[in-house]
């Protein structure tokens, strides 16, 4: 049986992305057949792999079924699996997935809404988030304040932030009244609060931020807030091609995005934490 890099096996199992798996290996949290692993170690699907002492359910490459869903994140949800304060999370209403787990493709701030993806393939998630891919993200932004043509030009030419220069690929006027105005902006990276910080560099407040497109996929008007949809084989193939991965579309996941108990729990939690 052919061996593979340990982090690749972990990513395929959906436990974490390759990058995160590498960090876990370096931290001594992973063992193979009772021996603590080092970065660069290889294993097979017949080996006993443990993470934090717990056996990892390993999937053979030929049995792995890549899955991906799009989710319309509402404001007031955090992009983590658990929150000490009990706030609703982006994972609360996702469908169950057997022998694996959902990994988010990127993050959205607590007060940011819009399109976010989940997959059970850590390798796919890592590639779609990697800066080298330069995948275009498109946002609808509502700002408060006077925005001059010079500011719009500087936003495209480059703004110096505390973690380096950033710029929008495009800035389009999307209408509005008085000091509340909408713009559609695109950029090829996803640094923390990057869109907001770029506007704030000119003392302009972002009052609403909504991601409407990620790569080739545009948020469908029919996908309501708090709901998810399975990607079609063609949509899935677009992302696999973008990530440079061989197509792996074998089965369908449950299509029903409604779960009354979980939905009601999430809505009640949002009312409590809504400011």
C-alpha atoms as a PDB file:
ATOM      1  CA  UNK A   1       0.000   0.000   0.000  1.00  0.00           C
ATOM      2  CA  UNK A   2       1.335   3.414  -0.988  1.00  0.00           C
ATOM      3  CA  UNK A   3       2.277   5.763   1.817  1.00  0.00           C
ATOM      4  CA  UNK A   4       1.388   9.468   1.898  1.00  0.00           C
ATOM      5  CA  UNK A   5       2.399  12.523   3.841  1.00  0.00           C
ATOM      6  CA  UNK A   6       0.765  12.421   7.240  1.00  0.00           C
ATOM      7  CA  UNK A   7      -0.774  15.889   6.898  1.00  0.00           C
ATOM      8  CA  UNK A   8      -2.413  14.856   3.611  1.00  0.00           C
ATOM      9  CA  UNK A   9      -4.083  11.873   5.266  1.00  0.00           C
ATOM     10  CA  UNK A  10      -5.296  14.097   8.112  1.00  0.00           C
ATOM     11  CA  UNK A  11      -6.662  16.693   5.708  1.00  0.00           C
ATOM     12  CA  UNK A  12      -8.531  14.040   3.714  1.00  0.00           C
ATOM     13  CA  UNK A  13     -10.085  12.798   6.954  1.00  0.00           C
ATOM     14  CA  UNK A  14     -11.517  16.289   7.390  1.00  0.00           C
ATOM     15  CA  UNK A  15      -9.955  16.813  10.793  1.00  0.00           C
ATOM     16  CA  UNK A  16      -8.074  19.952   9.731  1.00  0.00           C
ATOM     17  CA  UNK A  17      -6.484  21.636   6.748  1.00  0.00           C
ATOM     18  CA  UNK A  18      -3.004  20.545   5.678  1.00  0.00           C
ATOM     19  CA  UNK A  19      -1.479  23.668   7.176  1.00  0.00           C
ATOM     20  CA  UNK A  20      -3.189  23.164  10.515  1.00  0.00           C
ATOM     21  CA  UNK A  21      -2.309  19.459  10.472  1.00  0.00           C
ATOM     22  CA  UNK A  22       1.345  20.404  10.030  1.00  0.00           C
ATOM     23  CA  UNK A  23       1.150  22.630  13.104  1.00  0.00           C
ATOM     24  CA  UNK A  24      -0.379  19.785  15.110  1.00  0.00           C
ATOM     25  CA  UNK A  25       2.391  17.424  13.996  1.00  0.00           C
ATOM     26  CA  UNK A  26       5.067  19.959  14.950  1.00  0.00           C
ATOM     27  CA  UNK A  27       3.407  20.367  18.351  1.00  0.00           C
ATOM     28  CA  UNK A  28       3.727  16.622  19.019  1.00  0.00           C
ATOM     29  CA  UNK A  29      -0.021  16.012  19.025  1.00  0.00           C
ATOM     30  CA  UNK A  30       0.075  13.273  16.374  1.00  0.00           C
ATOM     31  CA  UNK A  31       1.397   9.723  16.606  1.00  0.00           C
ATOM     32  CA  UNK A  32       1.634   6.823  14.165  1.00  0.00           C
ATOM     33  CA  UNK A  33       1.596   3.288  15.599  1.00  0.00           C
ATOM     34  CA  UNK A  34       2.402   4.661  19.035  1.00  0.00           C
ATOM     35  CA  UNK A  35       5.352   6.847  17.954  1.00  0.00           C
ATOM     36  CA  UNK A  36       5.119  10.642  18.109  1.00  0.00           C
ATOM     37  CA  UNK A  37       5.380  11.964  14.561  1.00  0.00           C
ATOM     38  CA  UNK A  38       7.565  14.646  13.038  1.00  0.00           C
ATOM     39  CA  UNK A  39       6.831  16.888  10.099  1.00  0.00           C
ATOM     40  CA  UNK A  40       7.680  14.990   6.928  1.00  0.00           C
ATOM     41  CA  UNK A  41       6.622  11.586   8.254  1.00  0.00           C
ATOM     42  CA  UNK A  42       4.539   9.372   6.015  1.00  0.00           C
ATOM     43  CA  UNK A  43       1.890   6.765   6.734  1.00  0.00           C
ATOM     44  CA  UNK A  44      -0.629   4.459   5.074  1.00  0.00           C
ATOM     45  CA  UNK A  45      -4.323   3.967   5.688  1.00  0.00           C
ATOM     46  CA  UNK A  46      -3.462   0.738   7.550  1.00  0.00           C
ATOM     47  CA  UNK A  47      -1.422   2.604  10.187  1.00  0.00           C
ATOM     48  CA  UNK A  48      -2.924   3.604  13.530  1.00  0.00           C
ATOM     49  CA  UNK A  49      -2.883   7.386  13.581  1.00  0.00           C
ATOM     50  CA  UNK A  50      -3.830   9.201  16.769  1.00  0.00           C
ATOM     51  CA  UNK A  51      -4.447  12.917  17.312  1.00  0.00           C
ATOM     52  CA  UNK A  52      -4.327  13.995  20.965  1.00  0.00           C
ATOM     53  CA  UNK A  53      -4.497  10.300  21.816  1.00  0.00           C
ATOM     54  CA  UNK A  54      -7.706   9.714  19.883  1.00  0.00           C
ATOM     55  CA  UNK A  55      -7.682   7.321  16.893  1.00  0.00           C
ATOM     56  CA  UNK A  56      -8.195   9.000  13.534  1.00  0.00           C
ATOM     57  CA  UNK A  57     -10.710   7.376  11.211  1.00  0.00           C
ATOM     58  CA  UNK A  58      -8.705   7.175   8.001  1.00  0.00           C
ATOM     59  CA  UNK A  59     -10.360   7.151   4.588  1.00  0.00           C
ATOM     60  CA  UNK A  60      -8.712   5.423   1.656  1.00  0.00           C
ATOM     61  CA  UNK A  61      -8.109   7.726  -1.335  1.00  0.00           C
ATOM     62  CA  UNK A  62     -10.365   5.628  -3.577  1.00  0.00           C
ATOM     63  CA  UNK A  63     -13.204   5.776  -1.014  1.00  0.00           C
ATOM     64  CA  UNK A  64     -13.006   9.493  -0.287  1.00  0.00           C
ATOM     65  CA  UNK A  65     -16.011  11.537  -1.436  1.00  0.00           C
ATOM     66  CA  UNK A  66     -15.360  15.271  -1.615  1.00  0.00           C
ATOM     67  CA  UNK A  67     -18.296  17.459  -0.656  1.00  0.00           C
ATOM     68  CA  UNK A  68     -18.882  21.196  -0.615  1.00  0.00           C
ATOM     69  CA  UNK A  69     -21.747  23.447   0.387  1.00  0.00           C
ATOM     70  CA  UNK A  70     -22.391  27.189   0.174  1.00  0.00           C
ATOM     71  CA  UNK A  71     -23.796  28.969   3.237  1.00  0.00           C
ATOM     72  CA  UNK A  72     -25.435  32.383   3.528  1.00  0.00           C
ATOM     73  CA  UNK A  73     -24.032  33.665   6.806  1.00  0.00           C
ATOM     74  CA  UNK A  74     -26.181  36.180   8.687  1.00  0.00           C
ATOM     75  CA  UNK A  75     -24.735  38.951  10.811  1.00  0.00           C
ATOM     76  CA  UNK A  76     -24.424  37.878  14.426  1.00  0.00           C
ATOM     77  CA  UNK A  77     -22.769  34.490  13.900  1.00  0.00           C
ATOM     78  CA  UNK A  78     -19.142  33.737  14.697  1.00  0.00           C
ATOM     79  CA  UNK A  79     -16.861  31.769  12.371  1.00  0.00           C
ATOM     80  CA  UNK A  80     -15.857  29.212  15.015  1.00  0.00           C
ATOM     81  CA  UNK A  81     -17.286  25.854  16.028  1.00  0.00           C
ATOM     82  CA  UNK A  82     -17.812  26.834  19.648  1.00  0.00           C
ATOM     83  CA  UNK A  83     -18.129  30.112  21.521  1.00  0.00           C
ATOM     84  CA  UNK A  84     -17.564  30.484  25.293  1.00  0.00           C
ATOM     85  CA  UNK A  85     -20.309  33.123  25.360  1.00  0.00           C
ATOM     86  CA  UNK A  86     -22.812  30.794  23.728  1.00  0.00           C
ATOM     87  CA  UNK A  87     -23.326  32.911  20.629  1.00  0.00           C
ATOM     88  CA  UNK A  88     -24.598  31.241  17.431  1.00  0.00           C
ATOM     89  CA  UNK A  89     -21.937  29.913  15.068  1.00  0.00           C
ATOM     90  CA  UNK A  90     -21.761  29.254  11.343  1.00  0.00           C
ATOM     91  CA  UNK A  91     -21.768  25.502  12.109  1.00  0.00           C
ATOM     92  CA  UNK A  92     -25.070  25.407  14.001  1.00  0.00           C
ATOM     93  CA  UNK A  93     -27.391  24.565  11.086  1.00  0.00           C
ATOM     94  CA  UNK A  94     -25.108  22.591   8.777  1.00  0.00           C
ATOM     95  CA  UNK A  95     -26.121  19.089   7.665  1.00  0.00           C
ATOM     96  CA  UNK A  96     -24.558  16.095   9.374  1.00  0.00           C
ATOM     97  CA  UNK A  97     -21.746  14.379   7.502  1.00  0.00           C
ATOM     98  CA  UNK A  98     -20.704  10.777   8.160  1.00  0.00           C
ATOM     99  CA  UNK A  99     -17.154   9.864   9.154  1.00  0.00           C
ATOM    100  CA  UNK A 100     -15.905  13.400   8.565  1.00  0.00           C
ATOM    101  CA  UNK A 101     -16.418  17.016   9.546  1.00  0.00           C
ATOM    102  CA  UNK A 102     -17.040  20.351   7.880  1.00  0.00           C
ATOM    103  CA  UNK A 103     -14.168  22.793   7.403  1.00  0.00           C
ATOM    104  CA  UNK A 104     -14.893  26.407   6.535  1.00  0.00           C
ATOM    105  CA  UNK A 105     -13.222  28.014   3.544  1.00  0.00           C
ATOM    106  CA  UNK A 106     -12.126  31.266   5.115  1.00  0.00           C
ATOM    107  CA  UNK A 107     -13.941  33.314   7.725  1.00  0.00           C
ATOM    108  CA  UNK A 108     -16.334  36.216   7.986  1.00  0.00           C
ATOM    109  CA  UNK A 109     -16.429  38.647  10.899  1.00  0.00           C
ATOM    110  CA  UNK A 110     -19.221  38.528  13.485  1.00  0.00           C
ATOM    111  CA  UNK A 111     -20.857  41.591  11.910  1.00  0.00           C
ATOM    112  CA  UNK A 112     -20.229  40.538   8.294  1.00  0.00           C
ATOM    113  CA  UNK A 113     -22.784  38.570   6.315  1.00  0.00           C
ATOM    114  CA  UNK A 114     -22.756  36.727   3.022  1.00  0.00           C
ATOM    115  CA  UNK A 115     -21.187  33.821   1.202  1.00  0.00           C
ATOM    116  CA  UNK A 116     -18.978  31.264   2.907  1.00  0.00           C
ATOM    117  CA  UNK A 117     -18.171  27.679   1.925  1.00  0.00           C
ATOM    118  CA  UNK A 118     -17.703  24.412   3.794  1.00  0.00           C
ATOM    119  CA  UNK A 119     -15.988  21.239   2.603  1.00  0.00           C
ATOM    120  CA  UNK A 120     -14.947  17.929   4.112  1.00  0.00           C
ATOM    121  CA  UNK A 121     -11.633  18.085   2.218  1.00  0.00           C
ATOM    122  CA  UNK A 122      -8.870  19.869   4.113  1.00  0.00           C
ATOM    123  CA  UNK A 123      -6.664  19.983   1.018  1.00  0.00           C
ATOM    124  CA  UNK A 124      -9.369  21.740  -1.005  1.00  0.00           C
ATOM    125  CA  UNK A 125     -10.045  24.195   1.830  1.00  0.00           C
ATOM    126  CA  UNK A 126      -6.345  25.021   2.131  1.00  0.00           C
ATOM    127  CA  UNK A 127      -5.882  25.603  -1.598  1.00  0.00           C
ATOM    128  CA  UNK A 128      -8.956  27.823  -1.888  1.00  0.00           C
ATOM    129  CA  UNK A 129      -7.716  30.001   0.991  1.00  0.00           C
ATOM    130  CA  UNK A 130      -4.050  30.147  -0.005  1.00  0.00           C
ATOM    131  CA  UNK A 131      -2.931  33.673  -1.066  1.00  0.00           C
ATOM    132  CA  UNK A 132      -1.026  32.222  -4.036  1.00  0.00           C
ATOM    133  CA  UNK A 133      -4.336  31.229  -5.642  1.00  0.00           C
ATOM    134  CA  UNK A 134      -5.388  34.910  -5.818  1.00  0.00           C
ATOM    135  CA  UNK A 135      -9.072  34.001  -5.800  1.00  0.00           C
ATOM    136  CA  UNK A 136     -11.234  37.099  -6.225  1.00  0.00           C
ATOM    137  CA  UNK A 137     -13.692  37.929  -3.443  1.00  0.00           C
ATOM    138  CA  UNK A 138     -16.464  40.439  -4.063  1.00  0.00           C
ATOM    139  CA  UNK A 139     -18.191  42.441  -1.334  1.00  0.00           C
ATOM    140  CA  UNK A 140     -21.081  44.866  -1.119  1.00  0.00           C
ATOM    141  CA  UNK A 141     -20.047  47.624   1.293  1.00  0.00           C
ATOM    142  CA  UNK A 142     -22.204  50.374   2.795  1.00  0.00           C
ATOM    143  CA  UNK A 143     -20.165  53.256   4.153  1.00  0.00           C
ATOM    144  CA  UNK A 144     -20.871  56.428   6.094  1.00  0.00           C
ATOM    145  CA  UNK A 145     -18.940  59.528   5.220  1.00  0.00           C
ATOM    146  CA  UNK A 146     -17.905  61.598   2.276  1.00  0.00           C
ATOM    147  CA  UNK A 147     -15.989  59.555  -0.299  1.00  0.00           C
ATOM    148  CA  UNK A 148     -14.034  61.572  -2.851  1.00  0.00           C
ATOM    149  CA  UNK A 149     -12.751  60.372  -6.208  1.00  0.00           C
ATOM    150  CA  UNK A 150      -9.238  60.647  -4.788  1.00  0.00           C
ATOM    151  CA  UNK A 151     -10.091  58.198  -1.987  1.00  0.00           C
ATOM    152  CA  UNK A 152     -11.563  55.726  -4.465  1.00  0.00           C
ATOM    153  CA  UNK A 153      -8.388  55.972  -6.528  1.00  0.00           C
ATOM    154  CA  UNK A 154      -6.138  55.406  -3.506  1.00  0.00           C
ATOM    155  CA  UNK A 155      -8.195  52.370  -2.456  1.00  0.00           C
ATOM    156  CA  UNK A 156      -7.284  50.799  -5.795  1.00  0.00           C
ATOM    157  CA  UNK A 157      -3.685  51.977  -5.904  1.00  0.00           C
ATOM    158  CA  UNK A 158      -2.841  50.814  -2.388  1.00  0.00           C
ATOM    159  CA  UNK A 159      -3.447  51.548   1.287  1.00  0.00           C
ATOM    160  CA  UNK A 160      -0.764  51.003   3.930  1.00  0.00           C
ATOM    161  CA  UNK A 161      -2.136  48.875   6.784  1.00  0.00           C
ATOM    162  CA  UNK A 162      -0.352  47.641   9.909  1.00  0.00           C
ATOM    163  CA  UNK A 163       0.236  44.246   8.237  1.00  0.00           C
ATOM    164  CA  UNK A 164       1.305  45.576   4.842  1.00  0.00           C
ATOM    165  CA  UNK A 165      -0.140  47.282   1.814  1.00  0.00           C
ATOM    166  CA  UNK A 166      -3.566  46.310   0.511  1.00  0.00           C
ATOM    167  CA  UNK A 167      -5.709  47.391  -2.424  1.00  0.00           C
ATOM    168  CA  UNK A 168      -9.007  46.674  -4.115  1.00  0.00           C
ATOM    169  CA  UNK A 169      -8.911  45.250  -7.603  1.00  0.00           C
ATOM    170  CA  UNK A 170     -12.068  47.168  -8.482  1.00  0.00           C
ATOM    171  CA  UNK A 171     -14.409  49.674  -6.812  1.00  0.00           C
ATOM    172  CA  UNK A 172     -17.882  50.190  -8.290  1.00  0.00           C
ATOM    173  CA  UNK A 173     -20.510  52.709  -7.204  1.00  0.00           C
ATOM    174  CA  UNK A 174     -23.638  50.751  -6.230  1.00  0.00           C
ATOM    175  CA  UNK A 175     -25.876  53.672  -5.262  1.00  0.00           C
ATOM    176  CA  UNK A 176     -27.269  55.110  -2.059  1.00  0.00           C
ATOM    177  CA  UNK A 177     -28.418  58.369  -0.505  1.00  0.00           C
ATOM    178  CA  UNK A 178     -26.596  61.159   1.323  1.00  0.00           C
ATOM    179  CA  UNK A 179     -23.759  59.823   3.471  1.00  0.00           C
ATOM    180  CA  UNK A 180     -24.962  56.187   3.345  1.00  0.00           C
ATOM    181  CA  UNK A 181     -23.560  54.829   0.123  1.00  0.00           C
ATOM    182  CA  UNK A 182     -23.012  51.360  -1.329  1.00  0.00           C
ATOM    183  CA  UNK A 183     -19.957  50.176  -3.239  1.00  0.00           C
ATOM    184  CA  UNK A 184     -19.020  46.831  -4.751  1.00  0.00           C
ATOM    185  CA  UNK A 185     -15.348  46.028  -4.189  1.00  0.00           C
ATOM    186  CA  UNK A 186     -13.147  43.083  -5.138  1.00  0.00           C
ATOM    187  CA  UNK A 187      -9.827  41.859  -3.770  1.00  0.00           C
ATOM    188  CA  UNK A 188      -7.641  38.771  -4.099  1.00  0.00           C
ATOM    189  CA  UNK A 189      -6.853  38.012  -0.496  1.00  0.00           C
ATOM    190  CA  UNK A 190      -8.646  37.625   2.791  1.00  0.00           C
ATOM    191  CA  UNK A 191      -6.690  39.201   5.610  1.00  0.00           C
ATOM    192  CA  UNK A 192      -8.426  39.818   8.931  1.00  0.00           C
ATOM    193  CA  UNK A 193     -10.969  42.670   8.632  1.00  0.00           C
ATOM    194  CA  UNK A 194      -9.136  43.833   5.509  1.00  0.00           C
ATOM    195  CA  UNK A 195     -12.089  45.491   3.756  1.00  0.00           C
ATOM    196  CA  UNK A 196     -13.130  47.403   6.873  1.00  0.00           C
ATOM    197  CA  UNK A 197      -9.578  48.498   7.693  1.00  0.00           C
ATOM    198  CA  UNK A 198      -9.002  49.874   4.203  1.00  0.00           C
ATOM    199  CA  UNK A 199     -12.001  52.191   4.458  1.00  0.00           C
ATOM    200  CA  UNK A 200     -11.188  53.090   8.064  1.00  0.00           C
ATOM    201  CA  UNK A 201      -7.751  54.259   6.908  1.00  0.00           C
ATOM    202  CA  UNK A 202      -9.640  57.242   5.424  1.00  0.00           C
ATOM    203  CA  UNK A 203     -11.863  57.714   8.509  1.00  0.00           C
ATOM    204  CA  UNK A 204     -14.820  56.197   6.684  1.00  0.00           C
ATOM    205  CA  UNK A 205     -17.026  53.865   8.694  1.00  0.00           C
ATOM    206  CA  UNK A 206     -18.331  50.620   7.199  1.00  0.00           C
ATOM    207  CA  UNK A 207     -21.918  50.175   8.405  1.00  0.00           C
ATOM    208  CA  UNK A 208     -22.709  47.024   6.400  1.00  0.00           C
ATOM    209  CA  UNK A 209     -20.455  44.417   4.803  1.00  0.00           C
ATOM    210  CA  UNK A 210     -21.771  41.528   2.733  1.00  0.00           C
ATOM    211  CA  UNK A 211     -19.759  39.028   0.647  1.00  0.00           C
ATOM    212  CA  UNK A 212     -21.581  38.337  -2.598  1.00  0.00           C
ATOM    213  CA  UNK A 213     -19.058  36.336  -4.632  1.00  0.00           C
ATOM    214  CA  UNK A 214     -16.086  34.018  -4.093  1.00  0.00           C
ATOM    215  CA  UNK A 215     -14.159  32.918  -7.171  1.00  0.00           C
ATOM    216  CA  UNK A 216     -16.608  31.717  -9.845  1.00  0.00           C
ATOM    217  CA  UNK A 217     -19.540  31.343  -7.435  1.00  0.00           C
ATOM    218  CA  UNK A 218     -22.024  34.156  -6.805  1.00  0.00           C
ATOM    219  CA  UNK A 219     -24.369  34.091  -3.815  1.00  0.00           C
ATOM    220  CA  UNK A 220     -27.770  32.994  -5.212  1.00  0.00           C
ATOM    221  CA  UNK A 221     -30.695  35.323  -4.536  1.00  0.00           C
ATOM    222  CA  UNK A 222     -32.729  32.246  -3.622  1.00  0.00           C
ATOM    223  CA  UNK A 223     -30.340  31.275  -0.802  1.00  0.00           C
ATOM    224  CA  UNK A 224     -31.795  32.961   2.278  1.00  0.00           C
ATOM    225  CA  UNK A 225     -29.785  34.011   5.315  1.00  0.00           C
ATOM    226  CA  UNK A 226     -28.947  31.101   7.586  1.00  0.00           C
ATOM    227  CA  UNK A 227     -29.459  28.514   4.828  1.00  0.00           C
ATOM    228  CA  UNK A 228     -27.036  26.335   2.870  1.00  0.00           C
ATOM    229  CA  UNK A 229     -27.058  24.629  -0.519  1.00  0.00           C
ATOM    230  CA  UNK A 230     -25.153  21.760  -2.023  1.00  0.00           C
ATOM    231  CA  UNK A 231     -22.958  22.730  -4.949  1.00  0.00           C
ATOM    232  CA  UNK A 232     -23.932  21.177  -8.244  1.00  0.00           C
ATOM    233  CA  UNK A 233     -21.388  18.886  -9.967  1.00  0.00           C
ATOM    234  CA  UNK A 234     -20.555  21.727 -12.386  1.00  0.00           C
ATOM    235  CA  UNK A 235     -20.052  24.239  -9.559  1.00  0.00           C
ATOM    236  CA  UNK A 236     -17.951  21.719  -7.661  1.00  0.00           C
ATOM    237  CA  UNK A 237     -15.833  21.067 -10.758  1.00  0.00           C
ATOM    238  CA  UNK A 238     -15.134  24.808 -11.062  1.00  0.00           C
ATOM    239  CA  UNK A 239     -13.606  24.874  -7.583  1.00  0.00           C
ATOM    240  CA  UNK A 240     -11.681  21.644  -8.092  1.00  0.00           C
ATOM    241  CA  UNK A 241     -10.200  23.091 -11.272  1.00  0.00           C
ATOM    242  CA  UNK A 242      -9.399  26.331  -9.470  1.00  0.00           C
ATOM    243  CA  UNK A 243      -7.579  24.382  -6.761  1.00  0.00           C
ATOM    244  CA  UNK A 244      -5.801  22.102  -9.246  1.00  0.00           C
ATOM    245  CA  UNK A 245      -7.456  18.955  -7.887  1.00  0.00           C
ATOM    246  CA  UNK A 246      -8.808  15.977  -9.777  1.00  0.00           C
ATOM    247  CA  UNK A 247     -12.610  15.855  -9.855  1.00  0.00           C
ATOM    248  CA  UNK A 248     -14.138  13.746  -7.097  1.00  0.00           C
ATOM    249  CA  UNK A 249     -17.928  14.062  -7.274  1.00  0.00           C
ATOM    250  CA  UNK A 250     -19.542  10.749  -6.391  1.00  0.00           C
ATOM    251  CA  UNK A 251     -22.509  11.207  -4.092  1.00  0.00           C
ATOM    252  CA  UNK A 252     -25.005  13.789  -2.956  1.00  0.00           C
ATOM    253  CA  UNK A 253     -25.478  15.155   0.530  1.00  0.00           C
ATOM    254  CA  UNK A 254     -28.853  15.869   2.100  1.00  0.00           C
ATOM    255  CA  UNK A 255     -30.406  18.787   0.228  1.00  0.00           C
ATOM    256  CA  UNK A 256     -32.807  20.010   2.921  1.00  0.00           C
ATOM    257  CA  UNK A 257     -31.300  23.096   4.546  1.00  0.00           C
ATOM    258  CA  UNK A 258     -34.082  23.374   7.109  1.00  0.00           C
ATOM    259  CA  UNK A 259     -33.644  22.022  10.615  1.00  0.00           C
ATOM    260  CA  UNK A 260     -36.397  23.572  12.787  1.00  0.00           C
ATOM    261  CA  UNK A 261     -34.898  22.758  16.186  1.00  0.00           C
ATOM    262  CA  UNK A 262     -31.408  23.998  15.334  1.00  0.00           C
ATOM    263  CA  UNK A 263     -32.812  26.952  13.365  1.00  0.00           C
ATOM    264  CA  UNK A 264     -34.963  28.119  16.293  1.00  0.00           C
ATOM    265  CA  UNK A 265     -32.078  27.709  18.722  1.00  0.00           C
ATOM    266  CA  UNK A 266     -29.844  29.825  16.485  1.00  0.00           C
ATOM    267  CA  UNK A 267     -32.471  32.543  16.020  1.00  0.00           C
ATOM    268  CA  UNK A 268     -33.115  32.789  19.766  1.00  0.00           C
ATOM    269  CA  UNK A 269     -29.378  33.080  20.441  1.00  0.00           C
ATOM    270  CA  UNK A 270     -29.042  35.815  17.828  1.00  0.00           C
ATOM    271  CA  UNK A 271     -31.807  37.855  19.486  1.00  0.00           C
ATOM    272  CA  UNK A 272     -29.963  37.668  22.790  1.00  0.00           C
ATOM    273  CA  UNK A 273     -26.644  38.817  21.350  1.00  0.00           C
ATOM    274  CA  UNK A 274     -27.934  41.267  18.743  1.00  0.00           C
ATOM    275  CA  UNK A 275     -26.873  44.800  19.565  1.00  0.00           C
END
